[in-house]
Amino acid sequence: MPAIIDKIAGALHLSKNKHESAESSAAQGSSATTPAFDHAKVTVLFVLGGPGAGKGTQCANLVKDFGFCHLSAGDLLRAEQNREGSEYGEMIRKYIREGQIVPMEVTVKLLENAMRAALAESRDGEGWQDGKGRFLIDGFPRKMDQALKFDEDVCRSSMVLFFTTTEEEMLKRLLERGKTSGREDDNEESIKKRFRVYKEQTMPVIEHYSKEAKVATIDATATIEEVHEKAKEVVGKIFSGEVGRNITA
């Protein structure tokens, strides 16, 4: 769908040449641009895990604990697909319905814009003084090109919180959620497609950050409260500087 991607890039103020340059840089593993935000001031924790692993629930808890701004890549995309007059709403809807990953230009730009808006709010609380900020980015990056582009163009991530559980548990949770969520992809056919895409495309992202010693693996099979305590302890250690390697909680 190259024509659509070019149109998206234009709408998001990205040139085709810049897109090609970013792809080339990612392939070479080099950084050709200065990120929009300084990672010394802006803390970004990626939150990953299979569909139904409880990422959103735990993010909501961590926001209360540490004053994060929680950004859900999926929620931003769903808001854009439902935005009146969006030229790309139907395209986004099709990708989500098929369990596929939306082109990275869209997701990365939506996240950058949301981060910029949050920093402009001059929030109160720890971690938000003097141009600083702290973000939980939920459900992102789901592919290697997203990971490389975000770290290169937006902000270098500090750590990945990786929530794990079994496919059986995730399927049970998603089917239950589907009774009330109204989400088009909370049905068994879409869920199984999402599991397949997750294995094929997101697990390499986990492996990439594991090599950088930036993954905290958290068993999400237990109760919400038990998982929250584990996650809270891990994030506390990240902010205190105690975590400089892969850990398991």
Protein backbone atom coordinates (compact mmCIF):
# COMPACT_ATOMS: atom_id res chain seq x y z
CA MET A 1 0.00 0.00 0.00
CA PRO A 2 2.79 2.48 -0.87
CA ALA A 3 0.46 5.15 -2.29
CA ILE A 4 -1.52 5.25 0.95
CA ILE A 5 1.66 5.44 3.02
CA ASP A 6 2.90 8.37 0.92
CA LYS A 7 -0.41 10.19 1.47
CA ILE A 8 -0.21 9.52 5.21
CA ALA A 9 3.34 10.81 5.29
CA GLY A 10 2.27 14.02 3.57
CA ALA A 11 -0.60 14.57 5.97
CA LEU A 12 1.71 14.07 8.93
CA HIS A 13 4.28 16.52 7.53
CA LEU A 14 6.75 13.82 6.56
CA SER A 15 8.47 13.89 3.18
CA LYS A 16 8.94 10.79 1.07
CA ASN A 17 12.68 11.40 1.13
CA LYS A 18 12.68 11.53 4.90
CA HIS A 19 10.73 8.27 5.02
CA GLU A 20 13.24 6.59 2.71
CA SER A 21 16.13 8.07 4.70
CA ALA A 22 14.67 6.73 7.95
CA GLU A 23 14.34 3.26 6.44
CA SER A 24 17.93 3.43 5.21
CA SER A 25 19.19 4.60 8.59
CA ALA A 26 17.27 1.84 10.38
CA ALA A 27 18.77 -0.75 8.05
CA GLN A 28 22.25 0.56 8.76
CA GLY A 29 21.58 0.85 12.49
CA SER A 30 22.66 4.50 12.46
CA SER A 31 20.94 7.65 13.72
CA ALA A 32 20.72 10.43 11.16
CA THR A 33 18.42 12.77 13.11
CA THR A 34 18.17 14.34 16.55
CA PRO A 35 15.21 12.98 18.55
CA ALA A 36 12.38 15.41 19.27
CA PHE A 37 12.81 14.90 23.05
CA ASP A 38 15.91 14.54 25.22
CA HIS A 39 15.87 11.15 26.99
CA ALA A 40 17.79 12.73 29.89
CA LYS A 41 14.66 14.79 30.63
CA VAL A 42 11.87 12.66 29.17
CA THR A 43 11.49 9.11 30.48
CA VAL A 44 9.76 6.68 28.14
CA LEU A 45 8.79 3.20 29.28
CA PHE A 46 7.36 0.96 26.58
CA VAL A 47 4.66 -1.43 27.82
CA LEU A 48 4.41 -4.64 25.80
CA GLY A 49 2.68 -7.99 26.11
CA GLY A 50 0.25 -10.11 24.16
CA PRO A 51 -3.33 -8.97 23.53
CA GLY A 52 -5.18 -9.32 26.83
CA ALA A 53 -2.05 -9.43 29.01
CA GLY A 54 -3.44 -6.56 31.10
CA LYS A 55 -1.25 -3.72 29.84
CA GLY A 56 -3.91 -1.02 30.03
CA THR A 57 -5.05 -2.02 33.51
CA GLN A 58 -1.53 -1.97 34.91
CA CYS A 59 -0.72 1.31 33.17
CA ALA A 60 -3.68 2.93 34.92
CA ASN A 61 -2.30 1.75 38.26
CA LEU A 62 1.22 2.99 37.51
CA VAL A 63 -0.13 6.41 36.51
CA LYS A 64 -1.53 6.75 40.04
CA ASP A 65 1.71 5.53 41.59
CA PHE A 66 4.24 7.59 39.63
CA GLY A 67 2.39 10.38 37.78
CA PHE A 68 3.03 9.03 34.30
CA CYS A 69 1.24 10.24 31.20
CA HIS A 70 -0.22 7.04 29.78
CA LEU A 71 -0.40 6.89 26.01
CA SER A 72 -2.03 3.91 24.34
CA ALA A 73 -1.00 3.53 20.72
CA GLY A 74 -4.18 1.56 20.06
CA ASP A 75 -6.42 4.20 21.65
CA LEU A 76 -4.76 6.97 19.64
CA LEU A 77 -5.32 5.01 16.42
CA ARG A 78 -8.94 4.25 17.31
CA ALA A 79 -9.54 7.93 18.10
CA GLU A 80 -8.07 8.89 14.73
CA GLN A 81 -10.16 6.32 12.86
CA ASN A 82 -13.30 7.71 14.51
CA ARG A 83 -12.34 11.36 14.14
CA GLU A 84 -14.84 13.15 11.92
CA GLY A 85 -13.24 14.02 8.61
CA SER A 86 -10.21 11.77 9.04
CA GLU A 87 -8.92 10.85 5.60
CA TYR A 88 -7.36 7.67 6.94
CA GLY A 89 -10.02 6.42 9.35
CA GLU A 90 -11.22 3.61 7.10
CA MET A 91 -7.67 2.47 6.34
CA ILE A 92 -6.85 2.33 10.07
CA ARG A 93 -10.12 0.47 10.72
CA LYS A 94 -9.22 -2.16 8.12
CA TYR A 95 -5.76 -2.76 9.63
CA ILE A 96 -7.19 -3.10 13.14
CA ARG A 97 -10.02 -5.40 12.02
CA GLU A 98 -7.54 -7.69 10.25
CA GLY A 99 -5.25 -7.75 13.28
CA GLN A 100 -2.48 -6.11 11.26
CA ILE A 101 -0.11 -3.32 12.29
CA VAL A 102 -0.86 0.20 11.02
CA PRO A 103 2.00 1.84 9.02
CA MET A 104 4.57 3.20 11.44
CA GLU A 105 4.45 6.81 10.17
CA VAL A 106 0.91 7.16 11.50
CA THR A 107 1.51 5.66 14.94
CA VAL A 108 4.86 7.34 15.59
CA LYS A 109 3.55 10.77 14.65
CA LEU A 110 0.40 10.38 16.76
CA LEU A 111 2.58 9.47 19.76
CA GLU A 112 4.98 12.36 19.19
CA ASN A 113 2.10 14.83 18.95
CA ALA A 114 0.50 13.44 22.13
CA MET A 115 3.80 13.67 24.03
CA ARG A 116 4.33 17.23 22.87
CA ALA A 117 0.82 18.17 24.02
CA ALA A 118 1.37 16.58 27.46
CA LEU A 119 4.69 18.39 27.97
CA ALA A 120 3.05 21.69 26.96
CA GLU A 121 0.48 21.27 29.76
CA SER A 122 3.16 22.04 32.41
CA ARG A 123 1.89 19.28 34.67
CA ASP A 124 2.46 19.29 38.40
CA GLY A 125 4.07 16.48 40.31
CA GLU A 126 7.32 14.58 40.47
CA GLY A 127 8.99 14.07 37.13
CA TRP A 128 7.34 17.03 35.38
CA GLN A 129 9.43 20.01 36.44
CA ASP A 130 11.85 21.99 34.26
CA GLY A 131 10.77 20.51 30.94
CA LYS A 132 10.83 16.94 32.23
CA GLY A 133 8.17 14.30 31.62
CA ARG A 134 7.49 10.61 32.11
CA PHE A 135 5.48 8.46 29.72
CA LEU A 136 4.09 4.95 29.65
CA ILE A 137 3.57 4.01 26.00
CA ASP A 138 1.23 1.06 25.92
CA GLY A 139 1.12 -1.45 23.05
CA PHE A 140 4.10 0.04 21.22
CA PRO A 141 6.44 -0.66 19.49
CA ARG A 142 4.90 -3.70 17.84
CA LYS A 143 7.47 -4.00 15.04
CA MET A 144 11.18 -3.40 14.72
CA ASP A 145 10.74 -0.49 12.30
CA GLN A 146 8.51 1.26 14.86
CA ALA A 147 11.09 0.71 17.61
CA LEU A 148 13.99 2.05 15.58
CA LYS A 149 12.05 5.04 14.23
CA PHE A 150 10.73 6.09 17.64
CA ASP A 151 14.14 5.84 19.31
CA GLU A 152 15.70 7.77 16.43
CA ASP A 153 13.09 10.46 15.77
CA VAL A 154 11.08 10.90 18.99
CA CYS A 155 12.89 9.82 22.17
CA ARG A 156 15.21 7.05 23.28
CA SER A 157 13.32 4.63 25.49
CA SER A 158 14.54 3.81 28.99
CA MET A 159 13.01 0.37 29.57
CA VAL A 160 10.39 -2.10 28.36
CA LEU A 161 7.81 -3.49 30.78
CA PHE A 162 6.93 -6.87 29.28
CA PHE A 163 3.75 -8.46 30.70
CA THR A 164 3.53 -12.19 29.99
CA THR A 165 0.87 -14.86 30.37
CA THR A 166 -0.52 -17.78 28.37
CA GLU A 167 -2.56 -17.51 25.16
CA GLU A 168 -5.38 -19.38 26.88
CA GLU A 169 -5.54 -16.76 29.63
CA MET A 170 -5.36 -13.88 27.14
CA LEU A 171 -8.12 -15.38 24.97
CA LYS A 172 -10.38 -15.81 28.00
CA ARG A 173 -9.83 -12.20 29.09
CA LEU A 174 -10.39 -10.77 25.60
CA LEU A 175 -13.60 -12.69 24.97
CA GLU A 176 -14.91 -11.48 28.32
CA ARG A 177 -13.88 -7.91 27.51
CA GLY A 178 -15.54 -8.19 24.10
CA LYS A 179 -18.94 -8.51 25.74
CA THR A 180 -18.81 -4.83 26.74
CA SER A 181 -15.84 -3.17 24.98
CA GLY A 182 -17.48 -2.47 21.64
CA ARG A 183 -14.08 -3.03 19.98
CA GLU A 184 -14.19 -4.52 16.50
CA ASP A 185 -11.16 -6.70 17.17
CA ASP A 186 -12.45 -8.31 20.39
CA ASN A 187 -13.79 -11.40 18.63
CA GLU A 188 -12.21 -14.85 18.42
CA GLU A 189 -11.20 -14.64 14.76
CA SER A 190 -9.49 -11.25 15.15
CA ILE A 191 -7.92 -12.29 18.46
CA LYS A 192 -6.24 -15.32 16.90
CA LYS A 193 -4.89 -13.14 14.07
CA ARG A 194 -3.54 -10.73 16.68
CA PHE A 195 -1.80 -13.57 18.51
CA ARG A 196 -0.13 -14.65 15.26
CA VAL A 197 1.00 -11.11 14.40
CA TYR A 198 2.27 -10.64 17.96
CA LYS A 199 4.45 -13.75 17.75
CA GLU A 200 5.80 -12.91 14.30
CA GLN A 201 6.40 -9.19 14.67
CA THR A 202 6.43 -8.09 18.32
CA MET A 203 8.57 -10.82 19.87
CA PRO A 204 11.59 -9.70 17.78
CA VAL A 205 11.19 -6.27 19.41
CA ILE A 206 11.44 -7.88 22.86
CA GLU A 207 14.53 -9.78 21.73
CA HIS A 208 16.08 -6.54 20.41
CA TYR A 209 15.63 -4.68 23.70
CA SER A 210 16.74 -7.76 25.67
CA LYS A 211 20.09 -7.51 23.88
CA GLU A 212 20.24 -3.90 25.11
CA ALA A 213 19.48 -5.09 28.68
CA LYS A 214 16.29 -3.00 28.79
CA VAL A 215 13.50 -5.55 29.45
CA ALA A 216 11.65 -6.09 32.72
CA THR A 217 9.54 -9.25 32.38
CA ILE A 218 6.48 -9.34 34.64
CA ASP A 219 4.27 -12.43 35.05
CA ALA A 220 0.73 -11.16 34.43
CA THR A 221 -1.06 -14.43 35.18
CA ALA A 222 -1.78 -13.56 38.82
CA THR A 223 -4.48 -11.22 40.13
CA ILE A 224 -4.54 -7.56 39.08
CA GLU A 225 -3.40 -6.55 42.56
CA GLU A 226 -0.48 -8.99 42.63
CA VAL A 227 0.69 -7.97 39.16
CA HIS A 228 0.40 -4.31 40.18
CA GLU A 229 2.69 -4.83 43.18
CA LYS A 230 5.32 -6.46 40.95
CA ALA A 231 5.09 -3.69 38.35
CA LYS A 232 5.21 -0.96 40.99
CA GLU A 233 8.37 -2.45 42.50
CA VAL A 234 10.05 -2.69 39.09
CA VAL A 235 9.25 0.91 38.13
CA GLY A 236 10.40 2.15 41.54
CA LYS A 237 13.75 0.47 40.93
CA ILE A 238 14.00 2.00 37.46
CA PHE A 239 13.55 5.51 38.86
CA SER A 240 16.00 4.87 41.71
CA GLY A 241 18.63 3.73 39.24
CA GLU A 242 18.71 0.15 40.57
CA VAL A 243 17.83 -1.42 37.20
CA GLY A 244 20.49 -1.48 34.52
CA ARG A 245 19.86 -4.94 33.11
CA ASN A 246 17.09 -7.35 32.15
CA ILE A 247 15.06 -8.44 35.17
CA THR A 248 12.16 -10.79 35.87
CA ALA A 249 9.44 -10.11 38.43
